[in-house]
Amino acid sequence: MGDPKFVRRFYDRPKHPWEATRMEEERKLLVKYGLKNKRELWKAQSTLRGFRRQARDLQARLRAAEPQAQRETTLLLDRLVRLGVLSVGTPTIDDVLALTTEEILRRRLEWIVATKGLAPTPRGARQIIVHGHIAIGDHRVTRPGYLVKSAEEAGIAYDPTSPLTSDEHPLRVALREREAAREATRASPVPPPEAQEAS
């Protein structure tokens, strides 16, 4: 079990900490998904690594025609479908092996809050989550890294006790103005360079 004073890590660090290519890719993911530090990225990578390790093990056991392996495969695939990582339908072990870190990061609460338009950016979503402004159903959630299940996604909204529930809150006003500007840009596309030169 281990000493309760020393909690074990739930992630693995890179074997080579100073690889320029990997560090640049990590930096891009940190910016894109609003992550606080690389530790959060490493946790997502370790979660994915666990799913893929289990899938490889099950793949070998399925070749050996183990009946228990088929049951465990169904449980793994159902779990990933509920998590929203795999699409509903007929997922396979190969689909699990083809997953990427970004598909895990897209299930984080901060990313979904931002994509639903409740915050301007993933960084902004992180802030309002930590400050207790976001709820899933009847429960307030303050963990930006919470992995949202597919069934929970529709229930993400501002907490009823939050001042953000008011349409006149400055953040809500800014979000509406931003969306209006985006719609106006879509409605009036930029003419091609040839047309601009002719005018």
Protein backbone atom coordinates (compact mmCIF):
# COMPACT_ATOMS: atom_id res chain seq x y z
CA MET A 1 0.00 0.00 0.00
CA GLY A 2 2.83 2.40 0.74
CA ASP A 3 3.29 5.16 3.26
CA PRO A 4 0.19 7.45 3.28
CA LYS A 5 2.47 10.45 3.83
CA PHE A 6 4.11 9.91 0.47
CA VAL A 7 1.46 9.73 -2.24
CA ARG A 8 2.73 7.96 -5.34
CA ARG A 9 2.74 9.77 -8.65
CA PHE A 10 -0.05 9.08 -11.12
CA TYR A 11 2.09 9.86 -14.15
CA ASP A 12 5.44 8.99 -15.71
CA ARG A 13 8.04 11.59 -16.60
CA PRO A 14 9.75 11.53 -20.01
CA LYS A 15 12.82 9.31 -20.14
CA HIS A 16 14.83 12.05 -21.87
CA PRO A 17 13.87 15.41 -20.34
CA TRP A 18 15.74 17.65 -22.82
CA GLU A 19 14.49 16.58 -26.24
CA ALA A 20 13.83 19.77 -28.21
CA THR A 21 11.18 18.28 -30.53
CA ARG A 22 9.16 16.75 -27.70
CA MET A 23 9.43 19.91 -25.59
CA GLU A 24 8.10 22.03 -28.46
CA GLU A 25 5.16 19.67 -28.99
CA GLU A 26 4.40 19.74 -25.26
CA ARG A 27 4.51 23.52 -25.24
CA LYS A 28 1.97 23.70 -28.08
CA LEU A 29 -0.40 21.33 -26.26
CA LEU A 30 -0.06 23.36 -23.03
CA VAL A 31 -1.04 26.54 -24.86
CA LYS A 32 -3.85 24.95 -26.91
CA TYR A 33 -5.58 23.19 -24.00
CA GLY A 34 -4.85 25.74 -21.28
CA LEU A 35 -2.86 23.35 -19.10
CA LYS A 36 -1.21 24.68 -15.97
CA ASN A 37 2.03 22.75 -16.34
CA LYS A 38 3.55 19.73 -18.04
CA ARG A 39 2.55 17.51 -15.15
CA GLU A 40 -1.07 17.71 -16.33
CA LEU A 41 0.00 16.71 -19.83
CA TRP A 42 2.05 13.81 -18.48
CA LYS A 43 -1.00 12.62 -16.52
CA ALA A 44 -3.07 12.52 -19.72
CA GLN A 45 -0.26 10.67 -21.50
CA SER A 46 -0.03 8.15 -18.66
CA THR A 47 -3.82 7.64 -18.73
CA LEU A 48 -3.65 6.94 -22.47
CA ARG A 49 -0.65 4.68 -21.99
CA GLY A 50 -2.65 2.62 -19.48
CA PHE A 51 -5.55 2.20 -21.90
CA ARG A 52 -3.21 1.16 -24.73
CA ARG A 53 -1.28 -1.24 -22.50
CA GLN A 54 -4.53 -2.92 -21.49
CA ALA A 55 -5.63 -3.07 -25.14
CA ARG A 56 -2.37 -4.73 -26.24
CA ASP A 57 -2.67 -7.29 -23.45
CA LEU A 58 -6.28 -8.05 -24.41
CA GLN A 59 -5.34 -8.31 -28.07
CA ALA A 60 -2.82 -11.04 -27.29
CA ARG A 61 -5.29 -12.87 -25.04
CA LEU A 62 -8.01 -12.69 -27.69
CA ARG A 63 -5.68 -14.42 -30.14
CA ALA A 64 -5.34 -17.19 -27.55
CA ALA A 65 -9.18 -17.40 -27.47
CA GLU A 66 -9.54 -16.65 -23.75
CA PRO A 67 -13.25 -16.22 -22.89
CA GLN A 68 -12.45 -13.80 -20.04
CA ALA A 69 -10.50 -11.59 -22.46
CA GLN A 70 -13.64 -11.01 -24.54
CA ARG A 71 -15.56 -9.87 -21.45
CA GLU A 72 -12.73 -7.55 -20.40
CA THR A 73 -12.53 -6.14 -23.93
CA THR A 74 -16.23 -5.29 -23.86
CA LEU A 75 -15.81 -3.58 -20.48
CA LEU A 76 -12.84 -1.52 -21.70
CA LEU A 77 -14.58 -0.40 -24.89
CA ASP A 78 -17.78 0.47 -23.01
CA ARG A 79 -15.78 2.51 -20.53
CA LEU A 80 -14.06 4.51 -23.27
CA VAL A 81 -17.38 5.10 -25.07
CA ARG A 82 -18.93 6.38 -21.82
CA LEU A 83 -15.93 8.66 -21.39
CA GLY A 84 -16.45 10.02 -24.88
CA VAL A 85 -13.00 9.02 -26.07
CA LEU A 86 -14.38 6.45 -28.53
CA SER A 87 -17.41 7.09 -30.72
CA VAL A 88 -20.64 5.20 -30.20
CA GLY A 89 -21.02 2.30 -32.61
CA THR A 90 -18.78 -0.71 -32.95
CA PRO A 91 -15.38 0.32 -31.54
CA THR A 92 -12.55 -2.20 -31.59
CA ILE A 93 -9.25 -2.76 -29.84
CA ASP A 94 -7.53 -1.20 -32.86
CA ASP A 95 -9.46 2.02 -32.16
CA VAL A 96 -8.02 2.06 -28.64
CA LEU A 97 -4.49 1.58 -29.96
CA ALA A 98 -5.02 4.48 -32.41
CA LEU A 99 -5.99 6.98 -29.69
CA THR A 100 -3.84 10.06 -29.14
CA THR A 101 -3.14 12.27 -26.14
CA GLU A 102 -5.26 15.06 -27.60
CA GLU A 103 -8.36 12.85 -27.51
CA ILE A 104 -7.86 12.50 -23.75
CA LEU A 105 -7.23 16.25 -23.33
CA ARG A 106 -10.47 17.05 -25.20
CA ARG A 107 -12.44 15.34 -22.42
CA ARG A 108 -11.05 17.67 -19.75
CA LEU A 109 -13.68 19.93 -18.20
CA GLU A 110 -11.81 23.15 -19.00
CA TRP A 111 -11.69 22.32 -22.72
CA ILE A 112 -15.38 21.40 -22.90
CA VAL A 113 -16.40 24.55 -21.00
CA ALA A 114 -14.46 26.63 -23.53
CA THR A 115 -15.86 24.80 -26.57
CA LYS A 116 -19.43 25.19 -25.24
CA GLY A 117 -18.92 28.95 -25.19
CA LEU A 118 -19.11 29.36 -21.41
CA ALA A 119 -15.61 30.88 -21.33
CA PRO A 120 -13.51 32.75 -23.91
CA THR A 121 -10.49 30.42 -23.78
CA PRO A 122 -9.41 27.20 -22.03
CA ARG A 123 -7.32 29.36 -19.68
CA GLY A 124 -10.39 31.46 -18.91
CA ALA A 125 -12.42 28.28 -18.42
CA ARG A 126 -9.84 27.03 -15.97
CA GLN A 127 -10.21 30.18 -13.89
CA ILE A 128 -13.99 30.13 -13.63
CA ILE A 129 -13.95 26.39 -12.84
CA VAL A 130 -11.46 26.81 -9.99
CA HIS A 131 -13.51 29.74 -8.65
CA GLY A 132 -16.60 27.53 -8.44
CA HIS A 133 -18.69 28.97 -11.28
CA ILE A 134 -19.25 25.70 -13.18
CA ALA A 135 -21.56 22.82 -12.31
CA ILE A 136 -22.30 19.47 -13.90
CA GLY A 137 -25.95 18.80 -13.22
CA ASP A 138 -26.53 19.58 -9.55
CA HIS A 139 -22.88 19.29 -8.52
CA ARG A 140 -20.34 22.09 -8.55
CA VAL A 141 -17.02 20.93 -10.00
CA THR A 142 -13.79 22.82 -9.28
CA ARG A 143 -11.32 20.47 -10.98
CA PRO A 144 -10.32 21.69 -14.47
CA GLY A 145 -8.79 18.30 -15.24
CA TYR A 146 -11.98 16.34 -14.54
CA LEU A 147 -12.63 13.92 -17.43
CA VAL A 148 -16.21 14.53 -18.52
CA LYS A 149 -18.35 11.54 -19.48
CA SER A 150 -20.53 11.74 -22.59
CA ALA A 151 -23.72 11.61 -20.51
CA GLU A 152 -22.52 14.53 -18.36
CA GLU A 153 -21.58 16.86 -21.20
CA ALA A 154 -25.10 18.22 -21.76
CA GLY A 155 -25.40 19.08 -18.05
CA ILE A 156 -22.41 21.47 -17.97
CA ALA A 157 -23.57 24.99 -17.12
CA TYR A 158 -22.93 27.90 -14.80
CA ASP A 159 -23.56 27.07 -11.16
CA PRO A 160 -26.97 28.45 -10.05
CA THR A 161 -25.34 30.43 -7.24
CA SER A 162 -22.73 31.99 -9.54
CA PRO A 163 -23.04 35.64 -10.64
CA LEU A 164 -22.25 34.39 -14.17
CA THR A 165 -25.85 33.20 -14.45
CA SER A 166 -26.81 36.83 -15.06
CA ASP A 167 -26.93 37.78 -18.75
CA GLU A 168 -25.61 41.22 -17.83
CA HIS A 169 -22.41 39.93 -16.26
CA PRO A 170 -19.40 41.50 -18.07
CA LEU A 171 -18.05 38.09 -19.07
CA ARG A 172 -21.38 37.06 -20.63
CA VAL A 173 -21.60 40.39 -22.46
CA ALA A 174 -18.04 39.96 -23.79
CA LEU A 175 -18.81 36.42 -24.95
CA ARG A 176 -21.91 37.60 -26.83
CA GLU A 177 -19.98 40.43 -28.49
CA ARG A 178 -17.23 38.03 -29.48
CA GLU A 179 -19.74 35.59 -30.99
CA ALA A 180 -21.48 38.42 -32.85
CA ALA A 181 -18.15 39.57 -34.31
CA ARG A 182 -17.36 36.02 -35.37
CA GLU A 183 -20.75 35.65 -37.08
CA ALA A 184 -20.25 38.97 -38.87
CA THR A 185 -16.87 37.77 -40.13
CA ARG A 186 -18.45 34.58 -41.47
CA ALA A 187 -21.24 36.54 -43.16
CA SER A 188 -18.83 38.87 -45.00
CA PRO A 189 -15.90 36.79 -46.27
CA VAL A 190 -12.68 38.58 -47.22
CA PRO A 191 -12.47 39.03 -51.03
CA PRO A 192 -9.57 37.34 -52.83
CA PRO A 193 -6.35 39.37 -53.36
CA GLU A 194 -7.13 39.79 -57.10
CA ALA A 195 -10.42 41.55 -56.31
CA GLN A 196 -8.73 43.81 -53.75
CA GLU A 197 -6.06 44.85 -56.30
CA ALA A 198 -8.71 45.55 -58.95
CA SER A 199 -10.62 47.84 -56.59
